[in-house]
Amino acid sequence: MAALCGSFVELEEAAARGVSAKRVVFVLMQADTPLKGLQRDRLWDLFQTPIYAMLLSADGRIAAFECEAQSGFHTQPKNIAPVDNHCECGRSGPVLEAASVFAGVQQHAAFATMQQ
């Protein structure tokens, strides 16, 4: 296959079954389950291709995607309010800083826990 797409667990399972990717692997993730460095390294070891994260919205749609620079997530203004409009990859348009995305989810989770 030229490309693979799935959650981290699904991609590990695919590799265990002998599935390979020739060009790229996209990891589908929610903002509350960020792709960790060790997970990215594990997928690189399994597939030997670039690994990019795709951030899913609550309803399962692609809300943002990681580019070659891997310094944030590109998004459309209608999906999520951007915090930065600069990316090293040269693409124009809104970019979310990964740390801001995940920090916001953690703050929301902490607030929801306090309300219980």
PDB file of N, CA and C in Angstrom:
ATOM      1  N   MET A   1       0.833  -1.178   0.000  1.00  0.00           N
ATOM      2  CA  MET A   1       0.000   0.000   0.000  1.00  0.00           C
ATOM      3  C   MET A   1       0.880   1.244   0.000  1.00  0.00           C
ATOM      4  N   ALA A   2       0.399   2.278  -0.661  1.00  0.00           N
ATOM      5  CA  ALA A   2       1.146   3.535  -0.685  1.00  0.00           C
ATOM      6  C   ALA A   2       1.059   4.248   0.654  1.00  0.00           C
ATOM      7  N   ALA A   3      -0.116   4.211   1.283  1.00  0.00           N
ATOM      8  CA  ALA A   3      -0.316   4.917   2.550  1.00  0.00           C
ATOM      9  C   ALA A   3      -1.205   4.093   3.462  1.00  0.00           C
ATOM     10  N   LEU A   4      -1.043   4.328   4.756  1.00  0.00           N
ATOM     11  CA  LEU A   4      -1.889   3.689   5.764  1.00  0.00           C
ATOM     12  C   LEU A   4      -2.458   4.765   6.664  1.00  0.00           C
ATOM     13  N   CYS A   5      -3.619   4.473   7.234  1.00  0.00           N
ATOM     14  CA  CYS A   5      -4.263   5.412   8.129  1.00  0.00           C
ATOM     15  C   CYS A   5      -4.975   4.617   9.214  1.00  0.00           C
ATOM     16  N   GLY A   6      -4.834   5.046  10.470  1.00  0.00           N
ATOM     17  CA  GLY A   6      -5.516   4.380  11.570  1.00  0.00           C
ATOM     18  C   GLY A   6      -5.021   4.912  12.894  1.00  0.00           C
ATOM     19  N   SER A   7      -5.610   4.414  13.969  1.00  0.00           N
ATOM     20  CA  SER A   7      -5.132   4.785  15.301  1.00  0.00           C
ATOM     21  C   SER A   7      -3.768   4.120  15.529  1.00  0.00           C
ATOM     22  N   PHE A   8      -3.069   4.538  16.560  1.00  0.00           N
ATOM     23  CA  PHE A   8      -1.777   3.945  16.856  1.00  0.00           C
ATOM     24  C   PHE A   8      -1.907   2.428  17.021  1.00  0.00           C
ATOM     25  N   VAL A   9      -2.898   1.993  17.783  1.00  0.00           N
ATOM     26  CA  VAL A   9      -3.110   0.557  18.030  1.00  0.00           C
ATOM     27  C   VAL A   9      -3.423  -0.174  16.731  1.00  0.00           C
ATOM     28  N   GLU A  10      -4.300   0.402  15.916  1.00  0.00           N
ATOM     29  CA  GLU A  10      -4.652  -0.226  14.638  1.00  0.00           C
ATOM     30  C   GLU A  10      -3.433  -0.352  13.727  1.00  0.00           C
ATOM     31  N   LEU A  11      -2.580   0.664  13.725  1.00  0.00           N
ATOM     32  CA  LEU A  11      -1.385   0.620  12.874  1.00  0.00           C
ATOM     33  C   LEU A  11      -0.391  -0.432  13.373  1.00  0.00           C
ATOM     34  N   GLU A  12      -0.236  -0.546  14.683  1.00  0.00           N
ATOM     35  CA  GLU A  12       0.626  -1.601  15.233  1.00  0.00           C
ATOM     36  C   GLU A  12       0.098  -2.978  14.844  1.00  0.00           C
ATOM     37  N   GLU A  13      -1.213  -3.156  14.949  1.00  0.00           N
ATOM     38  CA  GLU A  13      -1.823  -4.440  14.590  1.00  0.00           C
ATOM     39  C   GLU A  13      -1.643  -4.742  13.101  1.00  0.00           C
ATOM     40  N   ALA A  14      -1.769  -3.724  12.270  1.00  0.00           N
ATOM     41  CA  ALA A  14      -1.581  -3.918  10.825  1.00  0.00           C
ATOM     42  C   ALA A  14      -0.150  -4.359  10.529  1.00  0.00           C
ATOM     43  N   ALA A  15       0.813  -3.728  11.182  1.00  0.00           N
ATOM     44  CA  ALA A  15       2.218  -4.106  10.984  1.00  0.00           C
ATOM     45  C   ALA A  15       2.455  -5.542  11.428  1.00  0.00           C
ATOM     46  N   ALA A  16       1.823  -5.953  12.531  1.00  0.00           N
ATOM     47  CA  ALA A  16       1.978  -7.325  13.026  1.00  0.00           C
ATOM     48  C   ALA A  16       1.417  -8.343  12.030  1.00  0.00           C
ATOM     49  N   ARG A  17       0.422  -7.929  11.237  1.00  0.00           N
ATOM     50  CA  ARG A  17      -0.161  -8.803  10.209  1.00  0.00           C
ATOM     51  C   ARG A  17       0.614  -8.735   8.888  1.00  0.00           C
ATOM     52  N   GLY A  18       1.674  -7.930   8.850  1.00  0.00           N
ATOM     53  CA  GLY A  18       2.503  -7.862   7.656  1.00  0.00           C
ATOM     54  C   GLY A  18       2.139  -6.763   6.675  1.00  0.00           C
ATOM     55  N   VAL A  19       1.230  -5.876   7.057  1.00  0.00           N
ATOM     56  CA  VAL A  19       0.862  -4.765   6.183  1.00  0.00           C
ATOM     57  C   VAL A  19       2.009  -3.758   6.165  1.00  0.00           C
ATOM     58  N   SER A  20       2.295  -3.211   4.997  1.00  0.00           N
ATOM     59  CA  SER A  20       3.362  -2.215   4.888  1.00  0.00           C
ATOM     60  C   SER A  20       2.842  -0.973   4.175  1.00  0.00           C
ATOM     61  N   ALA A  21       3.583   0.115   4.334  1.00  0.00           N
ATOM     62  CA  ALA A  21       3.261   1.373   3.649  1.00  0.00           C
ATOM     63  C   ALA A  21       4.497   1.803   2.878  1.00  0.00           C
ATOM     64  N   LYS A  22       4.297   2.270   1.656  1.00  0.00           N
ATOM     65  CA  LYS A  22       5.436   2.665   0.830  1.00  0.00           C
ATOM     66  C   LYS A  22       5.781   4.142   0.959  1.00  0.00           C
ATOM     67  N   ARG A  23       4.785   4.990   1.260  1.00  0.00           N
ATOM     68  CA  ARG A  23       5.042   6.433   1.238  1.00  0.00           C
ATOM     69  C   ARG A  23       4.803   7.148   2.556  1.00  0.00           C
ATOM     70  N   VAL A  24       3.710   6.839   3.255  1.00  0.00           N
ATOM     71  CA  VAL A  24       3.352   7.623   4.440  1.00  0.00           C
ATOM     72  C   VAL A  24       2.390   6.842   5.334  1.00  0.00           C
ATOM     73  N   VAL A  25       2.412   7.189   6.623  1.00  0.00           N
ATOM     74  CA  VAL A  25       1.467   6.645   7.589  1.00  0.00           C
ATOM     75  C   VAL A  25       0.810   7.828   8.299  1.00  0.00           C
ATOM     76  N   PHE A  26      -0.533   7.824   8.323  1.00  0.00           N
ATOM     77  CA  PHE A  26      -1.294   8.854   9.028  1.00  0.00           C
ATOM     78  C   PHE A  26      -1.891   8.244  10.286  1.00  0.00           C
ATOM     79  N   VAL A  27      -1.610   8.860  11.422  1.00  0.00           N
ATOM     80  CA  VAL A  27      -2.139   8.390  12.699  1.00  0.00           C
ATOM     81  C   VAL A  27      -3.354   9.241  13.047  1.00  0.00           C
ATOM     82  N   LEU A  28      -4.508   8.601  13.161  1.00  0.00           N
ATOM     83  CA  LEU A  28      -5.731   9.290  13.552  1.00  0.00           C
ATOM     84  C   LEU A  28      -5.761   9.403  15.061  1.00  0.00           C
ATOM     85  N   MET A  29      -6.018  10.609  15.550  1.00  0.00           N
ATOM     86  CA  MET A  29      -6.011  10.816  16.996  1.00  0.00           C
ATOM     87  C   MET A  29      -7.014  11.870  17.403  1.00  0.00           C
ATOM     88  N   GLN A  30      -7.463  11.771  18.630  1.00  0.00           N
ATOM     89  CA  GLN A  30      -8.288  12.800  19.248  1.00  0.00           C
ATOM     90  C   GLN A  30      -7.351  13.740  20.005  1.00  0.00           C
ATOM     91  N   ALA A  31      -7.814  14.936  20.296  1.00  0.00           N
ATOM     92  CA  ALA A  31      -6.968  15.896  21.010  1.00  0.00           C
ATOM     93  C   ALA A  31      -6.595  15.390  22.401  1.00  0.00           C
ATOM     94  N   ASP A  32      -7.404  14.504  22.981  1.00  0.00           N
ATOM     95  CA  ASP A  32      -7.075  13.996  24.316  1.00  0.00           C
ATOM     96  C   ASP A  32      -6.138  12.787  24.275  1.00  0.00           C
ATOM     97  N   THR A  33      -5.734  12.356  23.076  1.00  0.00           N
ATOM     98  CA  THR A  33      -4.785  11.249  22.939  1.00  0.00           C
ATOM     99  C   THR A  33      -3.687  11.625  21.948  1.00  0.00           C
ATOM    100  N   PRO A  34      -2.827  12.576  22.313  1.00  0.00           N
ATOM    101  CA  PRO A  34      -1.791  13.022  21.366  1.00  0.00           C
ATOM    102  C   PRO A  34      -0.806  11.906  21.034  1.00  0.00           C
ATOM    103  N   LEU A  35      -0.223  12.011  19.853  1.00  0.00           N
ATOM    104  CA  LEU A  35       0.804  11.078  19.428  1.00  0.00           C
ATOM    105  C   LEU A  35       2.091  11.415  20.167  1.00  0.00           C
ATOM    106  N   LYS A  36       2.593  10.490  20.930  1.00  0.00           N
ATOM    107  CA  LYS A  36       3.813  10.716  21.711  1.00  0.00           C
ATOM    108  C   LYS A  36       5.039  10.388  20.866  1.00  0.00           C
ATOM    109  N   GLY A  37       6.172  10.978  21.245  1.00  0.00           N
ATOM    110  CA  GLY A  37       7.406  10.763  20.505  1.00  0.00           C
ATOM    111  C   GLY A  37       7.788   9.303  20.375  1.00  0.00           C
ATOM    112  N   LEU A  38       7.630   8.536  21.457  1.00  0.00           N
ATOM    113  CA  LEU A  38       7.973   7.107  21.407  1.00  0.00           C
ATOM    114  C   LEU A  38       7.038   6.348  20.473  1.00  0.00           C
ATOM    115  N   GLN A  39       5.772   6.763  20.411  1.00  0.00           N
ATOM    116  CA  GLN A  39       4.828   6.125  19.488  1.00  0.00           C
ATOM    117  C   GLN A  39       5.230   6.422  18.045  1.00  0.00           C
ATOM    118  N   ARG A  40       5.600   7.669  17.773  1.00  0.00           N
ATOM    119  CA  ARG A  40       6.038   8.037  16.427  1.00  0.00           C
ATOM    120  C   ARG A  40       7.286   7.227  16.051  1.00  0.00           C
ATOM    121  N   ASP A  41       8.220   7.088  16.985  1.00  0.00           N
ATOM    122  CA  ASP A  41       9.430   6.298  16.733  1.00  0.00           C
ATOM    123  C   ASP A  41       9.091   4.834  16.474  1.00  0.00           C
ATOM    124  N   ARG A  42       8.141   4.301  17.233  1.00  0.00           N
ATOM    125  CA  ARG A  42       7.719   2.907  17.056  1.00  0.00           C
ATOM    126  C   ARG A  42       7.133   2.695  15.656  1.00  0.00           C
ATOM    127  N   LEU A  43       6.282   3.617  15.230  1.00  0.00           N
ATOM    128  CA  LEU A  43       5.691   3.496  13.902  1.00  0.00           C
ATOM    129  C   LEU A  43       6.746   3.646  12.815  1.00  0.00           C
ATOM    130  N   TRP A  44       7.728   4.522  13.023  1.00  0.00           N
ATOM    131  CA  TRP A  44       8.823   4.644  12.055  1.00  0.00           C
ATOM    132  C   TRP A  44       9.564   3.307  11.956  1.00  0.00           C
ATOM    133  N   ASP A  45       9.854   2.696  13.108  1.00  0.00           N
ATOM    134  CA  ASP A  45      10.547   1.402  13.107  1.00  0.00           C
ATOM    135  C   ASP A  45       9.742   0.338  12.359  1.00  0.00           C
ATOM    136  N   LEU A  46       8.429   0.375  12.502  1.00  0.00           N
ATOM    137  CA  LEU A  46       7.578  -0.627  11.861  1.00  0.00           C
ATOM    138  C   LEU A  46       7.421  -0.402  10.359  1.00  0.00           C
ATOM    139  N   PHE A  47       7.293   0.859   9.928  1.00  0.00           N
ATOM    140  CA  PHE A  47       6.951   1.140   8.534  1.00  0.00           C
ATOM    141  C   PHE A  47       8.055   1.821   7.724  1.00  0.00           C
ATOM    142  N   GLN A  48       9.009   2.459   8.385  1.00  0.00           N
ATOM    143  CA  GLN A  48      10.110   3.148   7.695  1.00  0.00           C
ATOM    144  C   GLN A  48       9.605   4.179   6.678  1.00  0.00           C
ATOM    145  N   THR A  49       8.554   4.900   7.045  1.00  0.00           N
ATOM    146  CA  THR A  49       8.005   5.972   6.216  1.00  0.00           C
ATOM    147  C   THR A  49       7.701   7.166   7.123  1.00  0.00           C
ATOM    148  N   PRO A  50       7.492   8.347   6.553  1.00  0.00           N
ATOM    149  CA  PRO A  50       7.096   9.486   7.381  1.00  0.00           C
ATOM    150  C   PRO A  50       5.786   9.197   8.126  1.00  0.00           C
ATOM    151  N   ILE A  51       5.697   9.699   9.340  1.00  0.00           N
ATOM    152  CA  ILE A  51       4.529   9.504  10.198  1.00  0.00           C
ATOM    153  C   ILE A  51       3.920  10.875  10.468  1.00  0.00           C
ATOM    154  N   TYR A  52       2.651  11.053  10.112  1.00  0.00           N
ATOM    155  CA  TYR A  52       1.960  12.321  10.340  1.00  0.00           C
ATOM    156  C   TYR A  52       0.679  12.082  11.113  1.00  0.00           C
ATOM    157  N   ALA A  53       0.380  12.981  12.039  1.00  0.00           N
ATOM    158  CA  ALA A  53      -0.838  12.880  12.834  1.00  0.00           C
ATOM    159  C   ALA A  53      -1.974  13.635  12.163  1.00  0.00           C
ATOM    160  N   MET A  54      -3.172  13.103  12.322  1.00  0.00           N
ATOM    161  CA  MET A  54      -4.394  13.777  11.862  1.00  0.00           C
ATOM    162  C   MET A  54      -5.307  13.892  13.075  1.00  0.00           C
ATOM    163  N   LEU A  55      -5.678  15.104  13.398  1.00  0.00           N
ATOM    164  CA  LEU A  55      -6.503  15.383  14.561  1.00  0.00           C
ATOM    165  C   LEU A  55      -7.973  15.284  14.175  1.00  0.00           C
ATOM    166  N   LEU A  56      -8.704  14.431  14.884  1.00  0.00           N
ATOM    167  CA  LEU A  56     -10.130  14.236  14.606  1.00  0.00           C
ATOM    168  C   LEU A  56     -10.983  15.104  15.521  1.00  0.00           C
ATOM    169  N   SER A  57     -12.093  15.582  14.998  1.00  0.00           N
ATOM    170  CA  SER A  57     -13.052  16.320  15.815  1.00  0.00           C
ATOM    171  C   SER A  57     -13.858  15.319  16.641  1.00  0.00           C
ATOM    172  N   ALA A  58     -14.696  15.841  17.513  1.00  0.00           N
ATOM    173  CA  ALA A  58     -15.511  14.976  18.371  1.00  0.00           C
ATOM    174  C   ALA A  58     -16.422  14.059  17.564  1.00  0.00           C
ATOM    175  N   ASP A  59     -16.828  14.501  16.362  1.00  0.00           N
ATOM    176  CA  ASP A  59     -17.706  13.674  15.535  1.00  0.00           C
ATOM    177  C   ASP A  59     -16.938  12.796  14.546  1.00  0.00           C
ATOM    178  N   GLY A  60     -15.605  12.714  14.701  1.00  0.00           N
ATOM    179  CA  GLY A  60     -14.801  11.810  13.890  1.00  0.00           C
ATOM    180  C   GLY A  60     -14.326  12.353  12.566  1.00  0.00           C
ATOM    181  N   ARG A  61     -14.550  13.623  12.301  1.00  0.00           N
ATOM    182  CA  ARG A  61     -14.070  14.237  11.055  1.00  0.00           C
ATOM    183  C   ARG A  61     -12.657  14.768  11.231  1.00  0.00           C
ATOM    184  N   ILE A  62     -11.917  14.864  10.136  1.00  0.00           N
ATOM    185  CA  ILE A  62     -10.568  15.410  10.214  1.00  0.00           C
ATOM    186  C   ILE A  62     -10.671  16.911  10.462  1.00  0.00           C
ATOM    187  N   ALA A  63     -10.158  17.351  11.601  1.00  0.00           N
ATOM    188  CA  ALA A  63     -10.212  18.759  11.989  1.00  0.00           C
ATOM    189  C   ALA A  63      -8.909  19.466  11.647  1.00  0.00           C
ATOM    190  N   ALA A  64      -7.796  18.735  11.664  1.00  0.00           N
ATOM    191  CA  ALA A  64      -6.489  19.330  11.400  1.00  0.00           C
ATOM    192  C   ALA A  64      -5.508  18.225  11.045  1.00  0.00           C
ATOM    193  N   PHE A  65      -4.427  18.617  10.347  1.00  0.00           N
ATOM    194  CA  PHE A  65      -3.422  17.626   9.971  1.00  0.00           C
ATOM    195  C   PHE A  65      -2.023  18.186  10.177  1.00  0.00           C
ATOM    196  N   GLU A  66      -1.123  17.289  10.436  1.00  0.00           N
ATOM    197  CA  GLU A  66       0.281  17.638  10.631  1.00  0.00           C
ATOM    198  C   GLU A  66       0.980  17.627   9.275  1.00  0.00           C
ATOM    199  N   CYS A  67       1.913  18.548   9.059  1.00  0.00           N
ATOM    200  CA  CYS A  67       2.658  18.612   7.802  1.00  0.00           C
ATOM    201  C   CYS A  67       4.094  18.123   8.021  1.00  0.00           C
ATOM    202  N   GLU A  68       4.906  18.307   7.001  1.00  0.00           N
ATOM    203  CA  GLU A  68       6.302  17.851   7.060  1.00  0.00           C
ATOM    204  C   GLU A  68       7.090  18.509   8.187  1.00  0.00           C
ATOM    205  N   ALA A  69       6.764  19.748   8.523  1.00  0.00           N
ATOM    206  CA  ALA A  69       7.495  20.464   9.576  1.00  0.00           C
ATOM    207  C   ALA A  69       7.204  19.880  10.961  1.00  0.00           C
ATOM    208  N   GLN A  70       6.064  19.245  11.127  1.00  0.00           N
ATOM    209  CA  GLN A  70       5.630  18.642  12.397  1.00  0.00           C
ATOM    210  C   GLN A  70       5.761  19.617  13.568  1.00  0.00           C
ATOM    211  N   SER A  71       5.372  20.865  13.308  1.00  0.00           N
ATOM    212  CA  SER A  71       5.453  21.875  14.369  1.00  0.00           C
ATOM    213  C   SER A  71       4.069  22.383  14.771  1.00  0.00           C
ATOM    214  N   GLY A  72       3.030  21.749  14.274  1.00  0.00           N
ATOM    215  CA  GLY A  72       1.666  22.139  14.582  1.00  0.00           C
ATOM    216  C   GLY A  72       0.715  21.437  13.635  1.00  0.00           C
ATOM    217  N   PHE A  73      -0.548  21.869  13.662  1.00  0.00           N
ATOM    218  CA  PHE A  73      -1.580  21.258  12.843  1.00  0.00           C
ATOM    219  C   PHE A  73      -2.229  22.302  11.941  1.00  0.00           C
ATOM    220  N   HIS A  74      -2.306  22.004  10.654  1.00  0.00           N
ATOM    221  CA  HIS A  74      -3.012  22.867   9.712  1.00  0.00           C
ATOM    222  C   HIS A  74      -4.500  22.590   9.846  1.00  0.00           C
ATOM    223  N   THR A  75      -5.298  23.644   9.777  1.00  0.00           N
ATOM    224  CA  THR A  75      -6.734  23.497   9.923  1.00  0.00           C
ATOM    225  C   THR A  75      -7.458  24.521   9.067  1.00  0.00           C
ATOM    226  N   GLN A  76      -8.721  24.319   8.917  1.00  0.00           N
ATOM    227  CA  GLN A  76      -9.584  25.306   8.267  1.00  0.00           C
ATOM    228  C   GLN A  76     -10.210  26.150   9.367  1.00  0.00           C
ATOM    229  N   PRO A  77     -10.385  27.437   9.139  1.00  0.00           N
ATOM    230  CA  PRO A  77     -10.933  28.315  10.183  1.00  0.00           C
ATOM    231  C   PRO A  77     -12.252  27.826  10.773  1.00  0.00           C
ATOM    232  N   LYS A  78     -13.065  27.129   9.987  1.00  0.00           N
ATOM    233  CA  LYS A  78     -14.359  26.672  10.495  1.00  0.00           C
ATOM    234  C   LYS A  78     -14.233  25.541  11.510  1.00  0.00           C
ATOM    235  N   ASN A  79     -13.086  24.852  11.541  1.00  0.00           N
ATOM    236  CA  ASN A  79     -12.930  23.698  12.428  1.00  0.00           C
ATOM    237  C   ASN A  79     -12.534  24.095  13.849  1.00  0.00           C
ATOM    238  N   ILE A  80     -11.441  24.832  13.977  1.00  0.00           N
ATOM    239  CA  ILE A  80     -10.903  25.188  15.282  1.00  0.00           C
ATOM    240  C   ILE A  80     -10.265  26.558  15.149  1.00  0.00           C
ATOM    241  N   ALA A  81     -10.408  27.394  16.146  1.00  0.00           N
ATOM    242  CA  ALA A  81      -9.781  28.718  16.089  1.00  0.00           C
ATOM    243  C   ALA A  81      -8.266  28.579  16.160  1.00  0.00           C
ATOM    244  N   PRO A  82      -7.526  29.114  15.177  1.00  0.00           N
ATOM    245  CA  PRO A  82      -6.069  28.976  15.172  1.00  0.00           C
ATOM    246  C   PRO A  82      -5.399  29.868  16.207  1.00  0.00           C
ATOM    247  N   VAL A  83      -4.237  29.426  16.679  1.00  0.00           N
ATOM    248  CA  VAL A  83      -3.453  30.232  17.615  1.00  0.00           C
ATOM    249  C   VAL A  83      -2.200  30.775  16.947  1.00  0.00           C
ATOM    250  N   ASP A  84      -1.891  30.325  15.759  1.00  0.00           N
ATOM    251  CA  ASP A  84      -0.687  30.750  15.064  1.00  0.00           C
ATOM    252  C   ASP A  84      -0.917  30.614  13.567  1.00  0.00           C
ATOM    253  N   ASN A  85      -0.387  31.512  12.783  1.00  0.00           N
ATOM    254  CA  ASN A  85      -0.570  31.443  11.336  1.00  0.00           C
ATOM    255  C   ASN A  85       0.742  31.255  10.603  1.00  0.00           C
ATOM    256  N   HIS A  86       1.731  30.720  11.227  1.00  0.00           N
ATOM    257  CA  HIS A  86       3.031  30.524  10.588  1.00  0.00           C
ATOM    258  C   HIS A  86       3.434  29.052  10.680  1.00  0.00           C
ATOM    259  N   CYS A  87       3.915  28.532   9.568  1.00  0.00           N
ATOM    260  CA  CYS A  87       4.420  27.155   9.573  1.00  0.00           C
ATOM    261  C   CYS A  87       5.698  27.099   8.762  1.00  0.00           C
ATOM    262  N   GLU A  88       6.637  26.324   9.243  1.00  0.00           N
ATOM    263  CA  GLU A  88       7.926  26.168   8.570  1.00  0.00           C
ATOM    264  C   GLU A  88       7.798  25.488   7.212  1.00  0.00           C
ATOM    265  N   CYS A  89       6.698  24.772   6.961  1.00  0.00           N
ATOM    266  CA  CYS A  89       6.540  24.060   5.692  1.00  0.00           C
ATOM    267  C   CYS A  89       6.238  25.010   4.535  1.00  0.00           C
ATOM    268  N   GLY A  90       5.837  26.249   4.836  1.00  0.00           N
ATOM    269  CA  GLY A  90       5.557  27.219   3.803  1.00  0.00           C
ATOM    270  C   GLY A  90       4.097  27.325   3.410  1.00  0.00           C
ATOM    271  N   ARG A  91       3.243  26.407   3.897  1.00  0.00           N
ATOM    272  CA  ARG A  91       1.820  26.490   3.577  1.00  0.00           C
ATOM    273  C   ARG A  91       1.222  27.701   4.282  1.00  0.00           C
ATOM    274  N   SER A  92       0.303  28.362   3.616  1.00  0.00           N
ATOM    275  CA  SER A  92      -0.390  29.477   4.255  1.00  0.00           C
ATOM    276  C   SER A  92      -1.642  28.949   4.928  1.00  0.00           C
ATOM    277  N   GLY A  93      -2.213  29.756   5.783  1.00  0.00           N
ATOM    278  CA  GLY A  93      -3.445  29.372   6.456  1.00  0.00           C
ATOM    279  C   GLY A  93      -3.233  29.099   7.925  1.00  0.00           C
ATOM    280  N   PRO A  94      -4.324  28.885   8.640  1.00  0.00           N
ATOM    281  CA  PRO A  94      -4.262  28.693  10.087  1.00  0.00           C
ATOM    282  C   PRO A  94      -3.476  27.460  10.492  1.00  0.00           C
ATOM    283  N   VAL A  95      -2.707  27.603  11.560  1.00  0.00           N
ATOM    284  CA  VAL A  95      -1.940  26.495  12.124  1.00  0.00           C
ATOM    285  C   VAL A  95      -2.154  26.492  13.631  1.00  0.00           C
ATOM    286  N   LEU A  96      -2.433  25.340  14.168  1.00  0.00           N
ATOM    287  CA  LEU A  96      -2.556  25.171  15.618  1.00  0.00           C
ATOM    288  C   LEU A  96      -1.248  24.653  16.162  1.00  0.00           C
ATOM    289  N   GLU A  97      -0.776  25.240  17.233  1.00  0.00           N
ATOM    290  CA  GLU A  97       0.405  24.696  17.893  1.00  0.00           C
ATOM    291  C   GLU A  97      -0.038  23.465  18.663  1.00  0.00           C
ATOM    292  N   ALA A  98       0.680  22.360  18.494  1.00  0.00           N
ATOM    293  CA  ALA A  98       0.281  21.093  19.124  1.00  0.00           C
ATOM    294  C   ALA A  98       0.153  21.238  20.638  1.00  0.00           C
ATOM    295  N   ALA A  99       1.087  21.914  21.274  1.00  0.00           N
ATOM    296  CA  ALA A  99       1.055  22.058  22.733  1.00  0.00           C
ATOM    297  C   ALA A  99      -0.220  22.762  23.180  1.00  0.00           C
ATOM    298  N   SER A 100      -0.677  23.754  22.420  1.00  0.00           N
ATOM    299  CA  SER A 100      -1.901  24.479  22.769  1.00  0.00           C
ATOM    300  C   SER A 100      -3.122  23.595  22.641  1.00  0.00           C
ATOM    301  N   VAL A 101      -3.174  22.781  21.604  1.00  0.00           N
ATOM    302  CA  VAL A 101      -4.310  21.881  21.402  1.00  0.00           C
ATOM    303  C   VAL A 101      -4.439  20.933  22.582  1.00  0.00           C
ATOM    304  N   PHE A 102      -3.347  20.288  22.946  1.00  0.00           N
ATOM    305  CA  PHE A 102      -3.407  19.284  23.997  1.00  0.00           C
ATOM    306  C   PHE A 102      -3.550  19.903  25.378  1.00  0.00           C
ATOM    307  N   ALA A 103      -2.979  21.081  25.610  1.00  0.00           N
ATOM    308  CA  ALA A 103      -3.132  21.762  26.898  1.00  0.00           C
ATOM    309  C   ALA A 103      -4.589  22.156  27.114  1.00  0.00           C
ATOM    310  N   GLY A 104      -5.257  22.630  26.059  1.00  0.00           N
ATOM    311  CA  GLY A 104      -6.658  23.007  26.170  1.00  0.00           C
ATOM    312  C   GLY A 104      -7.535  21.835  26.535  1.00  0.00           C
ATOM    313  N   VAL A 105      -7.277  20.675  25.961  1.00  0.00           N
ATOM    314  CA  VAL A 105      -8.058  19.477  26.275  1.00  0.00           C
ATOM    315  C   VAL A 105      -7.812  19.049  27.714  1.00  0.00           C
ATOM    316  N   GLN A 106      -6.570  19.116  28.158  1.00  0.00           N
ATOM    317  CA  GLN A 106      -6.253  18.730  29.533  1.00  0.00           C
ATOM    318  C   GLN A 106      -6.922  19.678  30.527  1.00  0.00           C
ATOM    319  N   GLN A 107      -6.946  20.988  30.231  1.00  0.00           N
ATOM    320  CA  GLN A 107      -7.606  21.940  31.112  1.00  0.00           C
ATOM    321  C   GLN A 107      -9.099  21.657  31.158  1.00  0.00           C
ATOM    322  N   HIS A 108      -9.709  21.356  30.026  1.00  0.00           N
ATOM    323  CA  HIS A 108     -11.136  21.037  29.965  1.00  0.00           C
ATOM    324  C   HIS A 108     -11.435  19.786  30.803  1.00  0.00           C
ATOM    325  N   ALA A 109     -10.593  18.766  30.670  1.00  0.00           N
ATOM    326  CA  ALA A 109     -10.787  17.526  31.420  1.00  0.00           C
ATOM    327  C   ALA A 109     -10.660  17.766  32.920  1.00  0.00           C
ATOM    328  N   ALA A 110      -9.683  18.583  33.319  1.00  0.00           N
ATOM    329  CA  ALA A 110      -9.492  18.880  34.737  1.00  0.00           C
ATOM    330  C   ALA A 110     -10.700  19.638  35.285  1.00  0.00           C
ATOM    331  N   PHE A 111     -11.229  20.590  34.512  1.00  0.00           N
ATOM    332  CA  PHE A 111     -12.404  21.358  34.942  1.00  0.00           C
ATOM    333  C   PHE A 111     -13.619  20.446  35.074  1.00  0.00           C
ATOM    334  N   ALA A 112     -13.809  19.546  34.105  1.00  0.00           N
ATOM    335  CA  ALA A 112     -14.951  18.627  34.153  1.00  0.00           C
ATOM    336  C   ALA A 112     -14.852  17.713  35.366  1.00  0.00           C
ATOM    337  N   THR A 113     -13.640  17.278  35.714  1.00  0.00           N
ATOM    338  CA  THR A 113     -13.439  16.419  36.884  1.00  0.00           C
ATOM    339  C   THR A 113     -13.792  17.179  38.161  1.00  0.00           C
ATOM    340  N   MET A 114     -13.415  18.447  38.234  1.00  0.00           N
ATOM    341  CA  MET A 114     -13.690  19.271  39.416  1.00  0.00           C
ATOM    342  C   MET A 114     -15.183  19.477  39.588  1.00  0.00           C
ATOM    343  N   GLN A 115     -15.952  19.497  38.492  1.00  0.00           N
ATOM    344  CA  GLN A 115     -17.380  19.750  38.548  1.00  0.00           C
ATOM    345  C   GLN A 115     -18.167  18.527  39.014  1.00  0.00           C
ATOM    346  N   GLN A 116     -17.543  17.365  39.023  1.00  0.00           N
ATOM    347  CA  GLN A 116     -18.252  16.131  39.393  1.00  0.00           C
ATOM    348  C   GLN A 116     -18.351  15.966  40.888  1.00  0.00           C
TER     349      GLN A 116
END
